[in-house]
Amino acid sequence: MNKIKKYIERKEQDIHDLVDYLAQYKPTKVALEWERSNDKELNIEYQKSNGNYSIEEIQQIGFRLAKKLNHDKLYAVNWAGRISQEDMTELNRSIQNSYPEILYTLKNVSENAPEITLKTPLIYSYRKLNDIESTKELEKMYLSFLVVTDNKGKKIGFDFLNKWMERELMVFKNIMDMSDTEDRILLIIGSDHLWMLRKLFDGNDWNVINPFESE
């Protein structure tokens, strides 16, 4: 029991260290991977939290950071889009059946993804997740889907990527809509989105800083 307690205490300290680290960037707004249409519900939860956070990343990091910075609200910017479970199953099945090289890449990316464990400092794990080379590998993996078809010639990969890009564009638009010229926005979102969103922000002349990129 004492060992478990020490692990929990260590992880809580890790979270505090991570939030303190992010707070150094002094974001004026915190944007989260939460459905834009549920922005009101997000902020109701935020206002009611009072230091009691669920285990999920949005609350442990997003809520804590916003509270530390005395922000009145958070910003939901996600859009789940039109990608269905059937789309993902169909893509995965086609890759497994006919595309061994892409399947190898998928497995390699999965096996090399850093784990967030009690024994590993959170900042280290996040730095690995945001590594430039890891982001490039994710980009190559996603773009490799473009050639995937089923045995009837249906453009499985093209259709999937089309929906994926639509989602990224909507997330980008949602962030644009909630931003002002002088804002410093901190976005908490899954690493799969980094390669495309980075291109969109760079293309719009934003000064993009990834606090976890390897120094």
Protein backbone atom coordinates (compact mmCIF):
# COMPACT_ATOMS: atom_id res chain seq x y z
CA MET A 1 0.00 0.00 0.00
CA ASN A 2 2.84 2.41 0.84
CA LYS A 3 4.43 1.69 -2.52
CA ILE A 4 1.20 2.50 -4.37
CA LYS A 5 0.78 5.67 -2.34
CA LYS A 6 4.30 6.79 -3.28
CA TYR A 7 3.58 6.15 -6.97
CA ILE A 8 0.39 8.22 -6.78
CA GLU A 9 2.13 11.04 -4.96
CA ARG A 10 4.93 11.01 -7.52
CA LYS A 11 2.52 11.15 -10.43
CA GLU A 12 0.60 14.02 -8.82
CA GLN A 13 3.88 15.88 -8.47
CA ASP A 14 4.63 15.09 -12.11
CA ILE A 15 1.33 16.70 -13.13
CA HIS A 16 2.06 19.79 -11.05
CA ASP A 17 5.55 20.02 -12.59
CA LEU A 18 4.07 19.71 -16.09
CA VAL A 19 1.45 22.39 -15.44
CA ASP A 20 4.10 24.70 -13.96
CA TYR A 21 6.25 24.11 -17.03
CA LEU A 22 3.42 25.00 -19.42
CA ALA A 23 2.44 28.03 -17.34
CA GLN A 24 5.86 29.55 -18.09
CA TYR A 25 4.64 30.16 -21.65
CA LYS A 26 1.88 32.41 -20.22
CA PRO A 27 -0.93 31.38 -22.58
CA THR A 28 -3.86 33.80 -22.62
CA LYS A 29 -6.25 31.04 -23.69
CA VAL A 30 -6.27 27.24 -23.33
CA ALA A 31 -7.87 25.29 -26.20
CA LEU A 32 -8.83 21.65 -25.75
CA GLU A 33 -9.66 18.63 -27.89
CA TRP A 34 -13.30 18.77 -26.84
CA GLU A 35 -16.26 19.04 -29.20
CA ARG A 36 -16.88 22.68 -30.13
CA SER A 37 -20.63 22.15 -29.89
CA ASN A 38 -20.18 21.17 -26.22
CA ASP A 39 -18.20 24.26 -25.23
CA LYS A 40 -20.87 25.28 -22.71
CA GLU A 41 -20.77 21.87 -20.98
CA LEU A 42 -16.96 22.00 -20.88
CA ASN A 43 -17.00 25.29 -19.03
CA ILE A 44 -19.71 24.17 -16.63
CA GLU A 45 -17.44 21.27 -15.67
CA TYR A 46 -14.49 23.65 -15.41
CA GLN A 47 -16.31 26.03 -13.09
CA LYS A 48 -17.60 23.17 -10.92
CA SER A 49 -14.29 21.30 -10.66
CA ASN A 50 -12.88 23.21 -7.65
CA GLY A 51 -9.66 21.20 -7.68
CA ASN A 52 -11.41 17.83 -8.03
CA TYR A 53 -10.26 16.54 -11.39
CA SER A 54 -11.03 13.34 -13.23
CA ILE A 55 -8.14 11.20 -14.43
CA GLU A 56 -8.39 12.36 -18.05
CA GLU A 57 -5.80 14.66 -19.60
CA ILE A 58 -8.25 17.47 -20.33
CA GLN A 59 -8.96 18.00 -16.66
CA GLN A 60 -5.63 17.01 -15.13
CA ILE A 61 -3.68 19.35 -17.40
CA GLY A 62 -6.13 21.68 -19.13
CA PHE A 63 -8.27 22.51 -16.10
CA ARG A 64 -5.30 22.76 -13.73
CA LEU A 65 -3.39 25.04 -16.08
CA ALA A 66 -6.35 27.34 -16.68
CA LYS A 67 -7.01 27.55 -12.92
CA LYS A 68 -3.36 28.32 -12.24
CA LEU A 69 -3.49 31.15 -14.78
CA ASN A 70 -6.84 32.43 -13.42
CA HIS A 71 -8.62 31.98 -16.75
CA ASP A 72 -12.37 32.51 -16.64
CA LYS A 73 -13.04 29.90 -19.30
CA LEU A 74 -11.65 27.21 -21.57
CA TYR A 75 -12.14 26.79 -25.31
CA ALA A 76 -13.48 23.64 -26.99
CA VAL A 77 -12.08 23.43 -30.53
CA ASN A 78 -12.49 19.82 -31.63
CA TRP A 79 -14.76 18.47 -34.35
CA ALA A 80 -15.10 14.69 -34.57
CA GLY A 81 -16.05 14.97 -38.21
CA ARG A 82 -17.40 12.30 -40.52
CA ILE A 83 -14.90 9.50 -39.81
CA SER A 84 -16.86 6.50 -38.56
CA GLN A 85 -15.78 3.31 -36.88
CA GLU A 86 -16.70 1.55 -40.11
CA ASP A 87 -14.27 3.79 -42.04
CA MET A 88 -11.44 2.87 -39.67
CA THR A 89 -12.29 -0.83 -39.72
CA GLU A 90 -12.44 -0.85 -43.52
CA LEU A 91 -9.09 0.94 -43.81
CA ASN A 92 -7.42 -1.37 -41.29
CA ARG A 93 -8.80 -4.49 -42.96
CA SER A 94 -7.62 -3.40 -46.41
CA ILE A 95 -4.13 -2.63 -45.10
CA GLN A 96 -3.89 -5.98 -43.34
CA ASN A 97 -5.04 -7.86 -46.43
CA SER A 98 -3.04 -6.15 -49.16
CA TYR A 99 -0.47 -3.63 -47.89
CA PRO A 100 2.29 -5.30 -45.84
CA GLU A 101 4.62 -2.29 -46.02
CA ILE A 102 1.98 0.06 -44.60
CA LEU A 103 1.09 -2.56 -41.99
CA TYR A 104 4.74 -2.74 -40.96
CA THR A 105 4.84 1.06 -40.63
CA LEU A 106 1.69 1.04 -38.50
CA LYS A 107 3.14 -1.55 -36.15
CA ASN A 108 6.48 0.24 -35.99
CA VAL A 109 4.86 3.57 -35.08
CA SER A 110 2.70 1.86 -32.46
CA GLU A 111 5.59 -0.05 -30.90
CA ASN A 112 7.79 3.05 -30.72
CA ALA A 113 5.12 5.31 -29.24
CA PRO A 114 6.19 6.36 -25.73
CA GLU A 115 4.10 5.05 -22.88
CA ILE A 116 2.86 7.28 -20.09
CA THR A 117 3.59 5.26 -16.97
CA LEU A 118 4.06 5.85 -13.28
CA LYS A 119 7.80 5.31 -13.68
CA THR A 120 8.33 7.87 -16.43
CA PRO A 121 8.21 11.65 -15.78
CA LEU A 122 5.30 13.19 -17.69
CA ILE A 123 7.41 15.92 -19.25
CA TYR A 124 9.71 13.25 -20.71
CA SER A 125 6.76 11.31 -22.13
CA TYR A 126 5.23 14.43 -23.67
CA ARG A 127 8.56 15.42 -25.13
CA LYS A 128 8.81 12.03 -26.83
CA LEU A 129 5.23 12.30 -28.13
CA ASN A 130 6.07 15.68 -29.66
CA ASP A 131 9.45 14.72 -31.07
CA ILE A 132 10.01 16.16 -34.57
CA GLU A 133 11.01 12.80 -36.04
CA SER A 134 7.98 11.09 -34.49
CA THR A 135 5.72 13.73 -36.02
CA LYS A 136 7.33 13.16 -39.42
CA GLU A 137 6.77 9.42 -39.11
CA LEU A 138 3.09 10.00 -38.33
CA GLU A 139 2.80 12.24 -41.38
CA LYS A 140 4.37 9.60 -43.62
CA MET A 141 2.10 6.94 -42.15
CA TYR A 142 -1.08 8.91 -42.73
CA LEU A 143 -0.13 9.95 -46.25
CA SER A 144 0.72 6.33 -47.12
CA PHE A 145 -2.99 5.54 -46.72
CA LEU A 146 -3.67 7.44 -49.95
CA VAL A 147 -2.93 4.39 -52.12
CA VAL A 148 -5.13 1.95 -50.18
CA THR A 149 -8.01 0.45 -52.13
CA ASP A 150 -10.18 -2.59 -51.52
CA ASN A 151 -10.48 -5.55 -53.89
CA LYS A 152 -13.16 -3.71 -55.87
CA GLY A 153 -11.02 -0.63 -56.40
CA LYS A 154 -12.83 1.54 -53.86
CA LYS A 155 -10.54 4.38 -52.72
CA ILE A 156 -10.58 3.47 -49.03
CA GLY A 157 -7.48 5.44 -48.08
CA PHE A 158 -8.35 8.50 -50.15
CA ASP A 159 -11.83 8.71 -48.60
CA PHE A 160 -10.40 8.32 -45.08
CA LEU A 161 -7.78 11.04 -45.61
CA ASN A 162 -10.37 13.33 -47.17
CA LYS A 163 -12.45 13.11 -43.99
CA TRP A 164 -9.34 13.42 -41.81
CA MET A 165 -8.21 16.61 -43.56
CA GLU A 166 -11.72 18.01 -43.25
CA ARG A 167 -11.52 17.46 -39.50
CA GLU A 168 -8.13 19.17 -39.25
CA LEU A 169 -9.39 22.16 -41.19
CA MET A 170 -12.38 22.49 -38.88
CA VAL A 171 -10.20 22.34 -35.76
CA PHE A 172 -7.99 24.99 -37.34
CA LYS A 173 -11.02 27.16 -38.12
CA ASN A 174 -12.36 26.78 -34.57
CA ILE A 175 -9.04 28.01 -33.19
CA MET A 176 -9.00 30.91 -35.63
CA ASP A 177 -12.52 31.87 -34.56
CA MET A 178 -11.62 32.06 -30.86
CA SER A 179 -8.34 33.92 -31.30
CA ASP A 180 -7.41 37.59 -31.24
CA THR A 181 -4.25 39.19 -32.58
CA GLU A 182 -2.42 39.33 -29.24
CA ASP A 183 -3.49 35.89 -27.96
CA ARG A 184 -1.04 33.20 -26.93
CA ILE A 185 -3.08 30.04 -27.31
CA LEU A 186 -2.01 26.74 -25.81
CA LEU A 187 -3.61 23.82 -27.64
CA ILE A 188 -3.87 20.43 -25.93
CA ILE A 189 -4.58 17.84 -28.61
CA GLY A 190 -3.50 14.35 -29.67
CA SER A 191 -0.10 14.02 -31.32
CA ASP A 192 -1.66 12.55 -34.50
CA HIS A 193 -2.93 16.06 -35.32
CA LEU A 194 0.39 17.87 -35.01
CA TRP A 195 1.78 17.36 -38.50
CA MET A 196 -1.24 18.78 -40.32
CA LEU A 197 -2.14 21.53 -37.85
CA ARG A 198 1.46 22.76 -37.80
CA LYS A 199 1.33 23.24 -41.57
CA LEU A 200 -1.96 25.13 -41.34
CA PHE A 201 -0.73 27.50 -38.64
CA ASP A 202 2.62 28.05 -40.33
CA GLY A 203 0.78 28.76 -43.58
CA ASN A 204 -1.23 31.42 -41.80
CA ASP A 205 1.96 33.09 -40.46
CA TRP A 206 1.39 32.10 -36.83
CA ASN A 207 4.39 31.88 -34.53
CA VAL A 208 4.07 28.22 -33.54
CA ILE A 209 5.96 26.98 -30.49
CA ASN A 210 5.81 23.36 -29.41
CA PRO A 211 6.91 23.38 -25.75
CA PHE A 212 7.73 19.67 -25.90
CA GLU A 213 9.88 19.56 -29.00
CA SER A 214 13.34 18.23 -28.22
CA GLU A 215 15.79 21.00 -27.47
